[in-house]
Structure formats: C-alpha cells, structure tokens
Amino acid sequence: MRGVRPKKRFSQHFLKDEGVARRVSESLLGEGCDSVLEIGPGTGMLTGFLLKRGFSDFRVVEIDRDSVEYLKKNLPNLGNNIIEGDFLKLDLDIFPGTIAIVGNFPYGISAPILFRVLKYRHKVKELTGMFQHEVAQRICAGPGSRTYGILSVLIQAYYAAEYLFTVSEYAFSPPPKVKSGVIRLRRNNINKLDCDEELFFRVVKVAFNQRRKILRNSIRASFRLLSEDNPVLSLRPEQLAVQQFVDLTGWIAENALLE
C-alpha cells in the first residue's frame, strides 16, 4: 500500500479509512500523560491525525524498516521521534514521565502488548486503540460473560476498560478475516493490590486455564492447600469479580504451602 507492502510476519493490516483513523485519534484522551507513543504506525494513516493533536512529546515505534523509511519521507514532522525497533523489547523507562499508548495493534502480538503494558503500569496511564474484535471484547468483559478471562481480570485490576466501537475489516489493507474493536484503558487509582501481586497473576492464570472446572479443582491441582474452607472454591472462575480474585489470592497465601 502506497509503497509499503504489508508483511505477514509482522501481522500488518494497514489502516486505510480516514474516518476510522480520525475517530481513533479523537478517542485518545492523553489526560495526565507526558508522552504519547503509537505502536506500529505502518503507513501513517493514524499518525497523521495524531500529529495534528499537537502533543508535546509524540513518538512512534515501528519494527518494519520499509515503514520507517516511508514515514521519514512522507511525515517529516515526525523528525527524530521514530523509534525503530520492537515494542515488546522497548524499555518504557526511557520516557521520563507517564505515557499514553495508541495504535492499530498487530493481531499477532496483542496479548504480549497488553502484558507489556501491565509490566509498566506505573508509567502507562492510558491505552487506546484497535485489537481483534474478540480480544477487545474479552478485555472489557465482566464477570459472568463467556469472554471473561485472564486478560479481563488482570487488565481490569489496574485499568478501567471501555469498548468504544467496532471497525469493519474493509477499513484495512489487506482486510483481515475478522472485525476489529477499539477500546480505551485508563489507569485506576490502585497503586498496589491488597495481596501479593505476583501470586495474584499466578492464581488468575491457574483458574482460567481450566475454566470449565470449579475453582476447588484447579486451585487444588496447583497449590498445596492446608484448608478448603472457602465458599468461593465452589464457583467457576468466570463468576468471580476482580476483587474476589484479590481476596482469593490473600486466602491462598494464608492457606497454602507456596514454593
């Protein structure tokens, strides 16, 4: 597209719909953020609208050399604000302050992007952008939903999640086989969960890795419990809200032999 060929190895589907690009740009709030970082600008359709927002520190990170050269040539206003490399290897502490992340996120690395954001949750105050429709729904799902899962709980422990709108596959070149969903994540006021956070991540993953089982069976299989006197253990993982997972983590810390 326009001199840059989308590459399968980078899960590239270039956004070509100006209306969608404008809408995504407008959805980014950037409140309380010192920098804005776009992941995978590709041919710069979204980038152009973000540049017009006039953020004091706006940068893009792009792994594809062809796209980098295209951006340098066609969006000179970016100047030296192009980071050539892999976002998943980028140390976000190079940013002196807080960050808002935006983008048409490659489907192939959507979950790793989110886990990277969680790792740097002390810096990333907002994430707004496009994911595969199913992933976007999963991130924003609440307890009781069939799409509620690991990403839902871990993300919503630290961020308020909003599903904003759906994007047709024909807004991209080449069109993906599924629709996309635009979401916005905004950091909540919880600096630290009221439990061992490393254990919390482990408990949530253990619970949903066997989501058809009641929690007693999945927890018992992964932890040496000294007691099973907890009514939550009779529920399935999708029935628990985030705070209940926090409480369960605290209970496990007191009632299990942890290695």
Protein backbone atom coordinates (compact mmCIF):
# COMPACT_ATOMS: atom_id res chain seq x y z
CA MET A 1 0.00 0.00 0.00
CA ARG A 2 1.43 3.39 -1.11
CA GLY A 3 4.93 1.99 -1.50
CA VAL A 4 4.96 -0.26 1.58
CA ARG A 5 3.90 -3.88 1.36
CA PRO A 6 2.18 -5.35 4.41
CA LYS A 7 4.17 -8.26 5.80
CA LYS A 8 2.60 -11.34 7.33
CA ARG A 9 5.47 -11.84 9.77
CA PHE A 10 4.56 -8.50 11.38
CA SER A 11 0.78 -9.18 11.28
CA GLN A 12 0.40 -5.97 9.26
CA HIS A 13 -3.01 -4.75 8.14
CA PHE A 14 -2.62 -1.10 7.22
CA LEU A 15 -5.47 1.21 8.17
CA LYS A 16 -6.78 2.99 5.08
CA ASP A 17 -10.06 4.52 6.31
CA GLU A 18 -9.52 8.18 7.22
CA GLY A 19 -12.78 8.34 9.15
CA VAL A 20 -11.73 5.47 11.40
CA ALA A 21 -8.26 6.95 11.87
CA ARG A 22 -9.74 10.29 12.89
CA ARG A 23 -12.12 8.60 15.31
CA VAL A 24 -9.35 6.59 16.96
CA SER A 25 -7.23 9.73 17.30
CA GLU A 26 -10.11 11.61 18.87
CA SER A 27 -10.72 8.72 21.28
CA LEU A 28 -7.26 9.13 22.79
CA LEU A 29 -7.61 11.38 25.82
CA GLY A 30 -3.99 11.69 26.89
CA GLU A 31 -5.01 13.24 30.19
CA GLY A 32 -2.20 13.33 32.74
CA CYS A 33 0.27 11.85 30.25
CA ASP A 34 3.64 13.41 29.46
CA SER A 35 4.19 11.42 26.26
CA VAL A 36 2.14 9.66 23.58
CA LEU A 37 3.53 6.55 21.88
CA GLU A 38 1.99 4.99 18.77
CA ILE A 39 2.76 1.32 18.20
CA GLY A 40 3.15 0.14 14.60
CA PRO A 41 2.22 3.24 12.57
CA GLY A 42 2.70 1.40 9.26
CA THR A 43 1.93 3.92 6.53
CA GLY A 44 0.95 6.63 9.00
CA MET A 45 -2.79 6.93 8.44
CA LEU A 46 -3.46 7.25 12.18
CA THR A 47 -0.12 9.01 12.77
CA GLY A 48 -1.14 11.98 10.64
CA PHE A 49 -4.21 12.65 12.78
CA LEU A 50 -2.22 12.19 15.99
CA LEU A 51 0.36 14.73 14.81
CA LYS A 52 -2.43 17.27 14.37
CA ARG A 53 -3.31 16.84 18.05
CA GLY A 54 -0.10 18.70 18.90
CA PHE A 55 1.09 16.52 21.77
CA SER A 56 4.22 17.94 23.41
CA ASP A 57 6.02 14.59 23.12
CA PHE A 58 4.70 12.27 20.42
CA ARG A 59 6.72 9.27 19.25
CA VAL A 60 6.13 6.14 17.21
CA VAL A 61 7.76 2.73 17.44
CA GLU A 62 7.96 0.68 14.25
CA ILE A 63 9.72 -2.64 13.63
CA ASP A 64 9.39 -2.65 9.82
CA ARG A 65 12.29 -0.83 8.11
CA ASP A 66 10.22 -0.18 4.98
CA SER A 67 7.58 1.57 7.06
CA VAL A 68 10.24 3.58 8.89
CA GLU A 69 11.66 4.85 5.60
CA TYR A 70 8.15 5.64 4.34
CA LEU A 71 7.33 7.62 7.48
CA LYS A 72 10.58 9.58 7.31
CA LYS A 73 9.82 10.56 3.73
CA ASN A 74 6.10 11.24 3.98
CA LEU A 75 5.68 12.52 7.54
CA PRO A 76 8.71 14.79 8.04
CA ASN A 77 7.04 16.40 11.06
CA LEU A 78 7.89 13.24 12.99
CA GLY A 79 11.53 14.27 12.83
CA ASN A 80 13.64 12.16 15.16
CA ASN A 81 10.62 10.80 17.01
CA ILE A 82 10.62 7.45 15.21
CA ILE A 83 11.88 4.58 17.36
CA GLU A 84 12.96 1.79 15.02
CA GLY A 85 12.53 -1.47 16.89
CA ASP A 86 10.26 -3.93 18.61
CA PHE A 87 7.82 -2.50 21.17
CA LEU A 88 7.97 -5.77 23.08
CA LYS A 89 11.67 -5.13 23.73
CA LEU A 90 11.36 -1.42 24.34
CA ASP A 91 12.26 -0.18 27.83
CA LEU A 92 9.45 2.26 28.55
CA ASP A 93 11.51 3.80 31.33
CA ILE A 94 13.28 5.79 28.59
CA PHE A 95 10.24 8.06 28.84
CA PRO A 96 10.80 10.50 31.71
CA GLY A 97 7.13 10.67 32.68
CA THR A 98 3.80 8.97 32.11
CA ILE A 99 2.68 7.55 28.76
CA ALA A 100 -0.45 7.13 26.67
CA ILE A 101 -0.20 4.30 24.14
CA VAL A 102 -2.22 4.26 20.93
CA GLY A 103 -2.29 2.23 17.74
CA ASN A 104 -3.75 -0.25 15.32
CA PHE A 105 -2.19 -3.10 17.23
CA PRO A 106 -0.94 -6.13 15.25
CA TYR A 107 -3.23 -9.09 15.96
CA GLY A 108 -0.32 -11.48 16.34
CA ILE A 109 1.10 -9.72 19.38
CA SER A 110 -1.98 -8.24 21.03
CA ALA A 111 -1.70 -10.25 24.26
CA PRO A 112 2.08 -9.62 24.62
CA ILE A 113 1.41 -5.89 24.15
CA LEU A 114 -1.09 -5.96 27.00
CA PHE A 115 1.23 -7.88 29.30
CA ARG A 116 3.95 -5.34 28.48
CA VAL A 117 1.57 -2.56 29.46
CA LEU A 118 0.83 -4.36 32.72
CA LYS A 119 4.55 -4.62 33.43
CA TYR A 120 4.87 -0.85 33.01
CA ARG A 121 1.57 0.04 34.65
CA HIS A 122 3.42 2.57 36.81
CA LYS A 123 4.05 4.57 33.61
CA VAL A 124 1.23 3.71 31.17
CA LYS A 125 -1.78 5.80 32.16
CA GLU A 126 -3.86 5.13 29.05
CA LEU A 127 -4.06 2.75 26.11
CA THR A 128 -6.44 3.46 23.24
CA GLY A 129 -6.56 1.53 20.01
CA MET A 130 -7.63 -1.41 17.90
CA PHE A 131 -7.49 -5.09 18.63
CA GLN A 132 -9.09 -8.09 17.01
CA HIS A 133 -12.80 -7.81 17.87
CA GLU A 134 -12.82 -10.93 20.03
CA VAL A 135 -9.77 -9.77 22.01
CA ALA A 136 -11.24 -6.31 22.51
CA GLN A 137 -14.45 -7.84 23.86
CA ARG A 138 -12.50 -10.15 26.15
CA ILE A 139 -10.50 -7.30 27.65
CA CYS A 140 -13.67 -5.35 28.51
CA ALA A 141 -15.88 -8.31 29.56
CA GLY A 142 -17.31 -8.52 33.05
CA PRO A 143 -17.96 -11.48 35.36
CA GLY A 144 -20.48 -13.96 34.00
CA SER A 145 -19.60 -13.30 30.38
CA ARG A 146 -18.37 -16.22 28.29
CA THR A 147 -15.49 -13.99 27.09
CA TYR A 148 -14.41 -13.02 30.62
CA GLY A 149 -10.98 -14.46 31.27
CA ILE A 150 -7.35 -13.91 32.18
CA LEU A 151 -6.93 -10.65 30.26
CA SER A 152 -10.22 -9.30 31.63
CA VAL A 153 -9.20 -9.78 35.26
CA LEU A 154 -5.55 -8.76 35.00
CA ILE A 155 -6.25 -5.64 32.96
CA GLN A 156 -9.29 -4.56 34.98
CA ALA A 157 -7.34 -4.93 38.22
CA TYR A 158 -5.38 -1.84 37.18
CA TYR A 159 -7.38 -0.17 34.40
CA ALA A 160 -10.93 0.94 33.66
CA ALA A 161 -11.77 -0.71 30.33
CA GLU A 162 -14.21 0.70 27.76
CA TYR A 163 -15.27 -0.83 24.46
CA LEU A 164 -15.71 2.17 22.16
CA PHE A 165 -16.70 0.97 18.67
CA THR A 166 -16.36 -1.78 16.07
CA VAL A 167 -14.35 -1.39 12.86
CA SER A 168 -15.08 -3.24 9.61
CA GLU A 169 -12.42 -5.48 8.16
CA TYR A 170 -12.66 -3.38 4.95
CA ALA A 171 -11.08 -0.39 6.73
CA PHE A 172 -7.72 -2.14 6.29
CA SER A 173 -5.41 -3.26 3.52
CA PRO A 174 -5.28 -6.17 3.25
CA PRO A 175 -8.58 -6.76 5.05
CA PRO A 176 -8.26 -9.18 7.98
CA LYS A 177 -10.68 -12.06 8.28
CA VAL A 178 -12.39 -10.57 11.33
CA LYS A 179 -13.63 -7.22 12.55
CA SER A 180 -11.69 -5.03 14.95
CA GLY A 181 -12.74 -3.35 18.17
CA VAL A 182 -11.46 -0.05 19.53
CA ILE A 183 -11.04 0.11 23.29
CA ARG A 184 -9.75 2.58 25.85
CA LEU A 185 -7.96 1.61 29.06
CA ARG A 186 -7.45 4.24 31.75
CA ARG A 187 -5.33 3.65 34.81
CA ASN A 188 -7.32 3.40 38.04
CA ASN A 189 -6.15 4.67 41.42
CA ILE A 190 -4.88 1.31 42.68
CA ASN A 191 -1.11 1.53 43.01
CA LYS A 192 -0.83 -1.91 44.58
CA LEU A 193 -3.37 -4.68 45.04
CA ASP A 194 -4.20 -5.76 48.57
CA CYS A 195 -2.38 -9.06 48.05
CA ASP A 196 0.85 -10.50 46.69
CA GLU A 197 0.63 -9.28 43.08
CA GLU A 198 2.91 -11.96 41.66
CA LEU A 199 0.73 -14.60 43.31
CA PHE A 200 -2.39 -12.82 42.03
CA PHE A 201 -1.21 -13.19 38.41
CA ARG A 202 -0.49 -16.87 39.06
CA VAL A 203 -3.88 -17.53 40.68
CA VAL A 204 -5.81 -15.88 37.83
CA LYS A 205 -3.92 -17.85 35.19
CA VAL A 206 -4.35 -21.14 37.07
CA ALA A 207 -8.09 -20.51 37.48
CA PHE A 208 -8.82 -19.77 33.83
CA ASN A 209 -6.51 -22.38 32.38
CA GLN A 210 -9.18 -24.84 33.48
CA ARG A 211 -12.18 -22.56 33.25
CA ARG A 212 -14.73 -25.37 32.99
CA LYS A 213 -13.74 -26.69 36.38
CA ILE A 214 -14.81 -25.25 39.69
CA LEU A 215 -12.03 -23.37 41.43
CA ARG A 216 -11.52 -26.04 44.06
CA ASN A 217 -10.26 -28.48 41.42
CA SER A 218 -7.97 -26.07 39.55
CA ILE A 219 -6.57 -24.46 42.71
CA ARG A 220 -6.04 -27.81 44.41
CA ALA A 221 -4.12 -29.05 41.36
CA SER A 222 -1.67 -26.14 41.53
CA PHE A 223 -1.39 -25.31 45.22
CA ARG A 224 -0.90 -27.45 48.32
CA LEU A 225 -3.89 -26.27 50.31
CA LEU A 226 -3.94 -26.58 54.06
CA SER A 227 -7.66 -25.80 54.10
CA GLU A 228 -10.53 -25.76 51.62
CA ASP A 229 -12.87 -23.78 53.82
CA ASN A 230 -13.64 -21.02 51.34
CA PRO A 231 -17.07 -20.81 49.64
CA VAL A 232 -15.51 -19.21 46.54
CA LEU A 233 -13.86 -22.54 45.73
CA SER A 234 -17.25 -23.94 44.71
CA LEU A 235 -17.56 -21.35 41.91
CA ARG A 236 -16.17 -21.26 38.39
CA PRO A 237 -13.58 -18.60 37.56
CA GLU A 238 -15.85 -16.55 35.29
CA GLN A 239 -18.17 -15.96 38.27
CA LEU A 240 -15.56 -14.02 40.26
CA ALA A 241 -15.09 -10.26 40.07
CA VAL A 242 -11.59 -8.78 40.26
CA GLN A 243 -11.84 -8.07 43.99
CA GLN A 244 -12.85 -11.67 44.65
CA PHE A 245 -9.67 -12.83 42.89
CA VAL A 246 -7.71 -10.43 45.09
CA ASP A 247 -9.40 -11.88 48.17
CA LEU A 248 -8.83 -15.44 46.95
CA THR A 249 -5.14 -14.68 46.44
CA GLY A 250 -4.87 -13.42 50.01
CA TRP A 251 -6.65 -16.53 51.28
CA ILE A 252 -4.32 -18.83 49.32
CA ALA A 253 -1.29 -17.01 50.73
CA GLU A 254 -2.53 -17.91 54.22
CA ASN A 255 -3.87 -21.39 53.49
CA ALA A 256 -1.38 -23.00 51.10
CA LEU A 257 2.21 -24.16 51.14
CA LEU A 258 3.79 -21.96 48.48
CA GLU A 259 7.01 -22.94 46.74
